N, C-alpha and C. Protein backbone atom coordinates (compact mmCIF):
# COMPACT_ATOMS: atom_id res chain seq x y z
N MET A 1 0.88 -1.07 0.14
CA MET A 1 0.05 -0.25 0.01
C MET A 1 0.88 1.14 0.03
N LYS A 2 2.10 1.15 0.78
CA LYS A 2 2.83 2.46 0.70
C LYS A 2 3.55 2.61 -0.65
N LYS A 3 3.76 1.52 -1.23
CA LYS A 3 4.42 1.91 -2.79
C LYS A 3 3.66 2.44 -3.52
N ARG A 4 2.17 1.80 -3.66
CA ARG A 4 1.57 2.59 -4.35
C ARG A 4 1.09 4.18 -4.14
N GLY A 5 0.87 4.39 -2.76
CA GLY A 5 0.93 5.77 -2.53
C GLY A 5 2.33 6.33 -3.03
N LEU A 6 3.28 6.09 -2.79
CA LEU A 6 4.62 6.67 -3.28
C LEU A 6 4.45 6.89 -4.64
N ARG A 7 4.11 5.90 -5.27
CA ARG A 7 3.90 6.05 -7.03
C ARG A 7 2.95 7.10 -7.48
N LEU A 8 1.93 7.06 -6.28
CA LEU A 8 0.82 8.24 -6.95
C LEU A 8 1.37 9.51 -6.79
N CYS A 9 2.05 9.74 -5.59
CA CYS A 9 2.61 10.85 -5.29
C CYS A 9 3.66 11.39 -6.37
N GLU A 10 4.61 10.43 -6.70
CA GLU A 10 5.75 10.67 -7.64
C GLU A 10 4.66 11.31 -9.06
N ARG A 11 3.76 10.73 -9.50
CA ARG A 11 2.74 10.81 -10.56
C ARG A 11 2.43 12.34 -10.43
N LEU A 12 1.76 12.49 -9.32
CA LEU A 12 1.44 13.91 -8.96
C LEU A 12 2.57 15.02 -9.15
N ALA A 13 3.70 14.63 -8.54
CA ALA A 13 4.69 15.67 -8.31
C ALA A 13 5.05 15.98 -9.74
N ARG A 14 4.96 14.84 -10.94
CA ARG A 14 5.60 15.11 -12.12
C ARG A 14 4.43 16.14 -12.86
N ARG A 15 3.27 15.64 -12.68
CA ARG A 15 2.52 16.46 -13.35
C ARG A 15 2.19 17.73 -12.84
N ALA A 16 2.73 17.90 -11.74
CA ALA A 16 2.40 19.46 -11.08
C ALA A 16 3.87 20.22 -11.91
N ALA A 17 4.99 19.39 -11.83
CA ALA A 17 6.18 20.23 -12.27
C ALA A 17 5.65 20.48 -13.67
N MET A 18 5.21 19.58 -14.53
CA MET A 18 4.80 19.83 -15.91
C MET A 18 3.88 21.07 -16.11
N LEU A 19 2.99 20.86 -15.48
CA LEU A 19 2.33 22.21 -15.23
C LEU A 19 2.81 23.43 -15.09
N LEU A 20 3.76 23.63 -14.12
CA LEU A 20 4.45 25.09 -13.62
C LEU A 20 5.31 25.11 -14.84
N MET A 21 5.86 24.23 -15.66
CA MET A 21 6.93 24.37 -16.55
C MET A 21 5.84 25.06 -17.91
N ALA A 22 4.82 24.47 -17.95
CA ALA A 22 3.89 25.03 -19.25
C ALA A 22 3.35 26.44 -18.87
N SER A 23 2.98 26.52 -17.67
CA SER A 23 2.53 27.90 -17.34
C SER A 23 3.74 28.94 -17.15
N GLY A 24 4.91 28.49 -17.17
CA GLY A 24 6.05 29.46 -17.10
C GLY A 24 6.38 29.89 -18.32
N THR A 25 6.19 29.06 -19.33
CA THR A 25 6.57 29.25 -20.79
C THR A 25 5.41 30.28 -21.30
N VAL A 26 4.20 30.14 -20.96
CA VAL A 26 3.09 30.80 -21.30
C VAL A 26 3.60 32.38 -20.57
N PHE A 27 3.63 32.49 -19.80
CA PHE A 27 3.96 33.79 -18.78
C PHE A 27 5.25 34.36 -19.61
N ALA A 28 6.35 33.62 -19.77
CA ALA A 28 7.70 34.14 -20.61
C ALA A 28 7.18 34.65 -21.93
N LEU A 29 6.38 33.89 -22.77
CA LEU A 29 5.84 34.67 -23.91
C LEU A 29 5.04 35.55 -23.95
N GLY A 30 4.22 35.74 -22.96
CA GLY A 30 3.52 36.91 -22.70
C GLY A 30 4.20 38.05 -22.21
N GLY A 31 5.34 37.95 -21.43
CA GLY A 31 6.12 39.06 -21.08
C GLY A 31 6.87 39.42 -22.31
N CYS A 32 7.19 38.52 -23.45
CA CYS A 32 7.84 39.51 -24.58
C CYS A 32 6.94 40.27 -25.13
N SER A 33 5.53 39.99 -25.42
CA SER A 33 4.94 41.19 -25.94
C SER A 33 4.89 42.31 -25.16
N MET A 34 4.76 41.95 -24.07
CA MET A 34 4.44 43.11 -22.91
C MET A 34 5.84 44.08 -22.97
N LEU A 35 7.08 43.49 -23.26
CA LEU A 35 8.27 44.31 -23.48
C LEU A 35 8.42 44.89 -24.82
N GLY A 36 7.23 44.63 -25.70
CA GLY A 36 7.43 45.32 -26.90
C GLY A 36 8.08 44.31 -28.01
N LEU A 37 8.41 43.09 -27.87
CA LEU A 37 9.04 42.29 -28.71
C LEU A 37 7.91 41.67 -29.58
N GLY A 38 6.75 41.75 -29.09
CA GLY A 38 5.54 41.09 -30.06
C GLY A 38 5.32 42.15 -30.79
N GLY A 39 5.61 43.44 -30.58
CA GLY A 39 5.30 44.49 -31.53
C GLY A 39 3.97 45.03 -31.64
N GLU A 40 3.75 46.11 -32.17
CA GLU A 40 2.65 47.01 -32.53
C GLU A 40 2.78 47.42 -33.72
N LYS A 41 1.52 47.73 -34.47
CA LYS A 41 1.37 48.50 -35.67
C LYS A 41 1.52 49.82 -35.70
N ALA A 42 2.37 50.27 -36.85
CA ALA A 42 2.61 51.65 -37.00
C ALA A 42 1.12 52.41 -37.47
N LYS A 43 0.81 53.40 -36.69
CA LYS A 43 -0.34 53.79 -36.96
C LYS A 43 -0.15 55.37 -36.97
N TRP A 44 0.80 55.96 -37.50
CA TRP A 44 0.69 57.47 -37.90
C TRP A 44 -0.12 57.95 -38.69
N THR A 45 -0.79 59.08 -38.41
CA THR A 45 -1.91 59.57 -39.11
C THR A 45 -1.01 60.52 -40.38
N ASP A 46 -0.05 60.86 -39.99
CA ASP A 46 1.03 61.46 -41.16
C ASP A 46 2.39 61.58 -40.48
N VAL A 47 3.30 61.58 -41.57
CA VAL A 47 4.60 62.07 -41.01
C VAL A 47 5.18 63.47 -42.11
N THR A 48 5.50 63.96 -41.43
CA THR A 48 6.34 65.25 -42.18
C THR A 48 7.87 65.44 -42.08
N PHE A 49 8.51 65.42 -42.86
CA PHE A 49 10.16 65.62 -43.27
C PHE A 49 10.00 67.22 -43.30
N ALA A 50 10.83 67.88 -42.66
CA ALA A 50 11.00 69.18 -42.60
C ALA A 50 12.84 69.54 -42.88
N ALA A 51 13.20 69.76 -44.05
CA ALA A 51 14.86 70.16 -44.16
C ALA A 51 14.91 71.44 -44.08
N SER A 52 16.15 71.92 -43.18
CA SER A 52 16.50 73.32 -42.85
C SER A 52 17.14 73.77 -44.35
N ASP A 53 17.20 75.06 -44.23
CA ASP A 53 17.79 75.62 -45.65
C ASP A 53 19.11 75.50 -45.68
N ASP A 54 19.62 75.10 -44.77
CA ASP A 54 21.13 74.54 -45.02
C ASP A 54 21.59 73.19 -44.50
N VAL A 55 20.48 72.24 -45.12
CA VAL A 55 20.41 70.91 -44.50
C VAL A 55 21.66 70.33 -45.39
N ASN A 56 22.52 69.29 -44.55
CA ASN A 56 23.30 68.61 -45.24
C ASN A 56 24.47 69.33 -46.34
N ASN A 57 24.99 70.49 -45.54
CA ASN A 57 25.81 71.53 -46.54
C ASN A 57 25.42 71.74 -47.73
N ASN A 58 24.05 72.14 -47.54
CA ASN A 58 23.35 72.66 -48.61
C ASN A 58 23.05 71.68 -49.94
N SER A 59 23.13 70.66 -49.40
CA SER A 59 22.96 69.23 -50.08
C SER A 59 21.82 68.52 -50.22
N PRO A 60 21.06 67.68 -51.04
CA PRO A 60 20.10 66.79 -50.84
C PRO A 60 20.27 66.14 -49.84
N VAL A 61 19.54 65.40 -49.07
CA VAL A 61 19.75 64.31 -47.97
C VAL A 61 18.77 62.91 -48.13
N ALA A 62 19.25 62.14 -48.40
CA ALA A 62 18.44 60.81 -48.37
C ALA A 62 17.75 60.48 -46.99
N VAL A 63 16.48 60.23 -46.70
CA VAL A 63 15.89 59.91 -45.32
C VAL A 63 15.06 58.54 -45.60
N ASP A 64 15.33 57.60 -44.77
CA ASP A 64 14.66 56.42 -44.59
C ASP A 64 13.88 56.41 -43.50
N VAL A 65 12.49 55.85 -43.47
CA VAL A 65 12.12 55.59 -42.15
C VAL A 65 11.99 53.84 -42.27
N VAL A 66 12.42 53.14 -41.34
CA VAL A 66 12.58 51.61 -41.10
C VAL A 66 11.97 51.09 -40.24
N LEU A 67 11.21 50.11 -40.50
CA LEU A 67 10.19 49.46 -39.71
C LEU A 67 10.87 47.99 -39.56
N VAL A 68 11.20 47.58 -38.31
CA VAL A 68 11.69 46.10 -38.21
C VAL A 68 10.79 45.35 -37.17
N SER A 69 10.42 43.96 -37.92
CA SER A 69 9.66 43.06 -37.29
C SER A 69 10.38 42.15 -36.19
N ASP A 70 11.39 41.91 -37.02
CA ASP A 70 12.09 40.65 -36.11
C ASP A 70 12.94 41.20 -35.16
N ALA A 71 13.00 40.59 -33.83
CA ALA A 71 13.82 41.07 -32.79
C ALA A 71 15.07 40.91 -32.88
N THR A 72 15.49 40.02 -33.83
CA THR A 72 17.11 39.67 -33.82
C THR A 72 17.39 40.92 -34.91
N LEU A 73 16.87 41.02 -35.75
CA LEU A 73 17.37 41.85 -36.50
C LEU A 73 17.34 43.49 -36.02
N LEU A 74 16.48 43.54 -35.13
CA LEU A 74 16.07 44.83 -34.56
C LEU A 74 17.48 45.43 -33.80
N ALA A 75 18.41 44.41 -32.96
CA ALA A 75 19.48 44.89 -32.24
C ALA A 75 20.33 45.29 -33.43
N ARG A 76 20.41 44.32 -34.50
CA ARG A 76 21.33 44.68 -35.53
C ARG A 76 21.31 46.13 -36.15
N VAL A 77 19.75 46.46 -36.58
CA VAL A 77 19.58 47.56 -37.09
C VAL A 77 20.08 48.72 -36.16
N ALA A 78 19.89 48.81 -34.68
CA ALA A 78 19.93 49.60 -33.84
C ALA A 78 21.31 50.18 -33.77
N GLU A 79 22.13 49.38 -34.13
CA GLU A 79 23.60 49.68 -34.05
C GLU A 79 24.45 50.08 -35.32
N MET A 80 23.53 50.33 -36.34
CA MET A 80 24.00 50.70 -37.34
C MET A 80 23.99 52.08 -37.59
N PRO A 81 25.18 52.87 -37.79
CA PRO A 81 25.03 54.61 -38.16
C PRO A 81 24.37 54.43 -39.72
N ALA A 82 24.17 55.50 -40.21
CA ALA A 82 23.39 55.76 -41.28
C ALA A 82 23.95 55.23 -42.63
N SER A 83 25.42 55.70 -42.63
CA SER A 83 26.41 54.92 -43.90
C SER A 83 26.10 53.57 -44.21
N LYS A 84 26.26 52.78 -42.96
CA LYS A 84 26.01 51.65 -43.04
C LYS A 84 24.73 51.04 -43.66
N TRP A 85 23.68 51.56 -42.90
CA TRP A 85 22.26 51.25 -43.36
C TRP A 85 22.08 51.79 -44.69
N PHE A 86 22.46 52.63 -45.19
CA PHE A 86 22.37 52.82 -46.71
C PHE A 86 23.21 52.02 -47.59
N ALA A 87 24.29 51.58 -47.15
CA ALA A 87 25.08 50.67 -47.77
C ALA A 87 24.30 49.49 -47.76
N ALA A 88 23.73 48.81 -46.65
CA ALA A 88 23.51 47.61 -46.56
C ALA A 88 21.76 47.36 -46.65
N ARG A 89 20.97 48.42 -46.84
CA ARG A 89 19.40 48.18 -46.83
C ARG A 89 18.93 47.51 -47.94
N ASP A 90 19.51 47.45 -49.05
CA ASP A 90 18.91 46.36 -50.25
C ASP A 90 18.93 45.04 -49.69
N ASP A 91 20.28 44.76 -49.44
CA ASP A 91 20.55 43.47 -48.92
C ASP A 91 19.87 43.10 -47.73
N LEU A 92 19.66 43.92 -46.87
CA LEU A 92 18.73 43.38 -45.64
C LEU A 92 17.21 43.21 -46.20
N ALA A 93 17.06 44.17 -46.74
CA ALA A 93 15.65 44.12 -47.23
C ALA A 93 15.26 42.50 -47.88
N SER A 94 16.25 42.28 -48.87
CA SER A 94 16.02 40.84 -49.41
C SER A 94 16.33 39.83 -48.74
N THR A 95 17.26 40.05 -47.86
CA THR A 95 17.52 38.84 -46.89
C THR A 95 16.38 38.55 -45.70
N PHE A 96 15.89 39.78 -45.36
CA PHE A 96 14.72 39.80 -44.31
C PHE A 96 13.59 40.22 -44.78
N PRO A 97 12.72 39.68 -45.86
CA PRO A 97 11.54 40.40 -46.34
C PRO A 97 10.42 40.47 -45.70
N LYS A 98 10.44 39.54 -44.78
CA LYS A 98 9.12 39.82 -43.70
C LYS A 98 9.58 40.51 -42.27
N GLY A 99 11.27 40.51 -42.22
CA GLY A 99 11.41 41.25 -41.09
C GLY A 99 11.78 42.51 -40.73
N LEU A 100 11.68 43.23 -42.21
CA LEU A 100 12.09 44.40 -42.46
C LEU A 100 11.57 45.25 -43.37
N ARG A 101 11.23 46.42 -43.25
CA ARG A 101 10.56 47.03 -44.72
C ARG A 101 10.86 48.66 -44.24
N TYR A 102 10.85 49.55 -45.26
CA TYR A 102 11.57 50.86 -45.25
C TYR A 102 10.60 51.81 -46.23
N ARG A 103 10.72 53.01 -46.43
CA ARG A 103 10.22 54.03 -47.23
C ARG A 103 11.33 54.95 -47.23
N GLY A 104 11.63 55.33 -48.42
CA GLY A 104 12.70 56.50 -48.46
C GLY A 104 12.34 57.85 -49.42
N TRP A 105 12.86 59.04 -48.91
CA TRP A 105 13.02 59.96 -49.58
C TRP A 105 14.16 60.72 -49.64
N GLU A 106 14.09 61.70 -50.92
CA GLU A 106 15.23 62.51 -50.64
C GLU A 106 14.84 63.91 -50.85
N LEU A 107 15.39 64.93 -49.58
CA LEU A 107 15.03 66.08 -49.68
C LEU A 107 15.91 67.10 -49.90
N VAL A 108 15.56 68.25 -50.67
CA VAL A 108 16.76 69.07 -50.84
C VAL A 108 16.59 70.28 -49.62
N PRO A 109 17.56 71.10 -49.31
CA PRO A 109 17.45 72.24 -48.62
C PRO A 109 16.16 73.11 -48.53
N GLY A 110 15.60 73.23 -47.35
CA GLY A 110 14.50 74.00 -47.28
C GLY A 110 12.98 73.45 -47.82
N GLN A 111 13.19 72.15 -48.07
CA GLN A 111 11.84 71.24 -48.53
C GLN A 111 11.20 70.64 -47.32
N HIS A 112 9.86 70.81 -47.57
CA HIS A 112 8.85 70.15 -46.44
C HIS A 112 8.13 69.10 -47.12
N VAL A 113 8.15 67.85 -46.89
CA VAL A 113 7.22 66.98 -47.09
C VAL A 113 6.28 66.33 -46.13
N ARG A 114 5.09 66.02 -46.47
CA ARG A 114 4.03 65.58 -45.56
C ARG A 114 3.50 64.15 -46.35
N VAL A 115 3.61 63.15 -45.65
CA VAL A 115 3.04 61.64 -46.40
C VAL A 115 2.12 61.27 -45.30
N SER A 116 1.33 60.55 -45.90
CA SER A 116 0.07 59.76 -45.14
C SER A 116 0.85 58.75 -44.32
N GLY A 117 0.18 58.47 -43.28
CA GLY A 117 0.66 57.30 -42.38
C GLY A 117 -0.17 55.92 -42.98
N GLU A 118 -0.83 56.07 -44.07
CA GLU A 118 -1.21 54.70 -44.76
C GLU A 118 0.03 54.08 -45.27
N GLN A 119 1.03 55.00 -45.79
CA GLN A 119 2.31 54.18 -46.29
C GLN A 119 3.09 53.24 -45.42
N PHE A 120 2.80 53.42 -44.13
CA PHE A 120 3.62 52.74 -43.24
C PHE A 120 2.73 51.53 -42.37
N ARG A 121 1.53 51.38 -43.12
CA ARG A 121 0.63 50.39 -42.45
C ARG A 121 1.22 48.87 -42.90
N GLY A 122 1.04 47.95 -42.12
CA GLY A 122 1.50 46.68 -42.26
C GLY A 122 1.67 45.86 -41.13
N ALA A 123 2.50 44.55 -41.17
CA ALA A 123 2.78 43.93 -40.06
C ALA A 123 3.14 44.69 -38.77
N SER A 124 2.79 44.08 -37.52
CA SER A 124 3.45 44.67 -36.49
C SER A 124 4.99 44.81 -36.58
N VAL A 125 5.66 45.81 -35.69
CA VAL A 125 7.03 45.98 -35.58
C VAL A 125 7.54 45.96 -34.17
N ALA A 126 8.52 45.60 -34.02
CA ALA A 126 9.46 45.65 -32.82
C ALA A 126 9.90 47.07 -32.63
N GLY A 127 10.45 47.93 -33.50
CA GLY A 127 11.24 48.75 -33.43
C GLY A 127 11.01 49.50 -34.90
N ALA A 128 11.31 50.99 -34.63
CA ALA A 128 11.39 51.90 -35.83
C ALA A 128 12.44 52.78 -35.54
N PHE A 129 13.19 53.12 -37.02
CA PHE A 129 14.11 53.99 -37.04
C PHE A 129 14.12 55.07 -37.92
N VAL A 130 14.58 56.01 -37.97
CA VAL A 130 14.89 57.03 -39.08
C VAL A 130 16.36 57.25 -39.31
N PHE A 131 16.80 56.93 -40.74
CA PHE A 131 18.26 57.40 -41.03
C PHE A 131 18.31 58.67 -41.99
N ALA A 132 19.26 59.35 -41.75
CA ALA A 132 19.43 60.50 -42.80
C ALA A 132 21.06 60.07 -43.33
N SER A 133 21.06 60.43 -44.49
CA SER A 133 22.17 60.34 -45.13
C SER A 133 23.18 61.35 -45.39
N TYR A 134 23.54 62.27 -44.12
CA TYR A 134 24.41 63.23 -44.31
C TYR A 134 25.72 63.08 -44.70
N GLN A 135 26.33 64.13 -45.14
CA GLN A 135 27.74 63.77 -45.75
C GLN A 135 28.63 63.91 -44.37
N ASP A 136 28.58 64.50 -43.29
CA ASP A 136 29.34 64.70 -42.19
C ASP A 136 29.31 63.23 -41.53
N SER A 137 30.21 62.75 -40.93
CA SER A 137 30.38 61.67 -40.34
C SER A 137 29.20 61.52 -38.90
N GLY A 138 28.80 60.53 -38.48
CA GLY A 138 28.05 60.35 -37.33
C GLY A 138 27.10 59.24 -37.48
N ALA A 139 26.48 59.03 -36.37
CA ALA A 139 25.19 57.87 -36.35
C ALA A 139 23.90 58.18 -37.45
N HIS A 140 23.37 59.73 -37.45
CA HIS A 140 22.35 60.23 -37.89
C HIS A 140 21.08 59.12 -37.89
N ARG A 141 20.99 58.51 -36.94
CA ARG A 141 20.16 57.62 -36.71
C ARG A 141 19.08 57.94 -35.36
N VAL A 142 17.89 57.83 -35.52
CA VAL A 142 17.26 58.11 -34.43
C VAL A 142 16.23 56.99 -34.35
N ARG A 143 15.90 56.40 -33.00
CA ARG A 143 14.92 55.49 -32.82
C ARG A 143 13.67 55.83 -32.60
N VAL A 144 12.51 55.50 -33.17
CA VAL A 144 11.13 56.29 -32.90
C VAL A 144 10.63 55.46 -31.91
N GLU A 145 9.96 56.02 -31.10
CA GLU A 145 9.49 55.60 -29.71
C GLU A 145 8.14 55.15 -29.77
N HIS A 146 7.22 55.91 -30.48
CA HIS A 146 5.97 56.29 -30.55
C HIS A 146 5.32 55.86 -31.85
N PHE A 147 4.18 54.86 -32.23
CA PHE A 147 4.06 54.42 -33.50
C PHE A 147 2.48 54.92 -33.88
N SER A 148 2.07 55.90 -33.26
CA SER A 148 0.56 56.74 -33.54
C SER A 148 0.93 58.21 -33.44
N GLY A 149 -0.01 58.85 -33.74
CA GLY A 149 0.09 60.25 -33.79
C GLY A 149 0.66 61.00 -35.08
N HIS A 150 1.20 61.86 -34.89
CA HIS A 150 1.80 62.63 -36.05
C HIS A 150 3.27 62.76 -35.59
N MET A 151 3.89 62.04 -36.61
CA MET A 151 5.40 62.40 -36.31
C MET A 151 6.10 63.48 -37.56
N VAL A 152 7.31 64.18 -36.77
CA VAL A 152 7.82 65.12 -37.59
C VAL A 152 9.22 64.86 -37.58
N VAL A 153 10.16 64.77 -38.60
CA VAL A 153 11.41 64.51 -38.97
C VAL A 153 12.01 65.77 -39.41
N LYS A 154 12.62 66.44 -38.46
CA LYS A 154 13.44 67.65 -38.48
C LYS A 154 14.88 67.19 -39.06
N LEU A 155 15.37 67.83 -40.28
CA LEU A 155 16.67 67.74 -40.89
C LEU A 155 17.34 69.10 -40.73
N ASP A 156 18.16 69.03 -39.66
CA ASP A 156 19.14 70.42 -39.63
C ASP A 156 19.99 70.48 -40.48
N SER A 157 21.28 71.17 -40.28
CA SER A 157 22.52 71.09 -41.15
C SER A 157 23.17 69.90 -40.98
N ASN A 158 23.29 69.25 -39.93
CA ASN A 158 24.05 67.99 -40.06
C ASN A 158 23.63 67.03 -38.83
N ASN A 159 22.30 67.10 -38.38
CA ASN A 159 21.61 66.34 -37.58
C ASN A 159 20.06 66.16 -37.59
N LEU A 160 19.52 65.25 -37.16
CA LEU A 160 18.31 64.96 -37.59
C LEU A 160 17.53 64.52 -35.95
N THR A 161 16.36 65.34 -35.82
CA THR A 161 15.44 65.16 -34.80
C THR A 161 14.22 64.45 -35.13
N VAL A 162 13.66 63.46 -34.02
CA VAL A 162 11.99 63.03 -34.37
C VAL A 162 11.25 63.61 -33.47
N LEU A 163 10.30 64.27 -33.48
CA LEU A 163 9.25 64.71 -32.84
C LEU A 163 7.79 63.99 -32.90
N ASP A 164 7.33 63.57 -31.99
CA ASP A 164 5.94 62.78 -32.22
C ASP A 164 4.90 63.35 -31.23
N SER A 165 3.72 63.35 -31.56
CA SER A 165 2.57 63.80 -30.91
C SER A 165 1.64 62.87 -30.95
N LYS A 166 0.58 62.76 -30.02
CA LYS A 166 -0.33 61.67 -30.01
C LYS A 166 -1.72 62.49 -30.39
C-alpha cells in the first residue's frame, strides 16, 4: 500500500512540475509581448519631413523610415550608423523580407514633405528608426518610440530629430 501511495505521489509531483513548466512558458511568452517584442502596428496619421535651408551642407539628403519586425534584426539595425544602413539596406530587405521594410525620400534644402501614415501600415513592428544620409560622419539615426499620432522628422544642417505627438 505504501508503494502504491509513493507512486501516486510521484505521478502527481511530475504532473505538477509539467504544469508549472507549461505555465512558466506561457508567462514568458506573454512577457515578451509586454516588453514590445511582440510588436505593434505603425499607425501614424501622417509623417512630416522638414529640411532646413542649410541641410547637409546645402545638398540633398536621403531619409529612410525603417520598420523592423524581427527582434534579432532589431538589435542589428539599432547599432548601424546611417552610412552602413544605406550601404546594406537593399541586401537586408531582400534577406529579411518579412522582418524589415522601409520607405525612403530625398529632400533638398528648405523642402517640407508630408506623407500619409497609410504608407507605413502593415505587419506589427518591434522597432522603428529614421536614418539620414548626411555628408558629415555620425550615427544620423533616431529610434522612434511612438507608433501613432503625427511624427515630424526635422533635418537640420548636420543632425536630425524626431518629434511625435499623440
